[in-house]
Amino acid sequence: MKWANEQGITRVHSAGGDFEVLDLLDEMRQRGDLTLRMYIAYFLNPPELRPRDLDAIEHAHKKFHDDWIDAGAVKFHGGWRRRIAHCGDA
């Protein structure tokens, strides 16, 4: 993060794979150590929206939806879908 800050980078968009570290990012934010805004996508594999995926996406979106951590995107196989309408933020 320090290097990114030195380069003027202020926001990182994750294309999936970082959904599991949302709680860690939140801890960093609470300590004042999070210096990059994070936009985290849920990686959908297989690329079908299953009920358990929708539950995980909705839960994360409700918990992490502010200027510093936003978990409101889904990475489908071969492309992005921004903000699932069911999350109430379409």
Foldseek 3Di string as FASTA:
>chain_A
DVVCVVVVAAEDEALADCLVCPVVLVVCVVVVNQRHAYEYAHEDVQQDDDPVNVVSQLVCQVVAPDRRGHHQWYRHVPGTDGGDVVSVPD
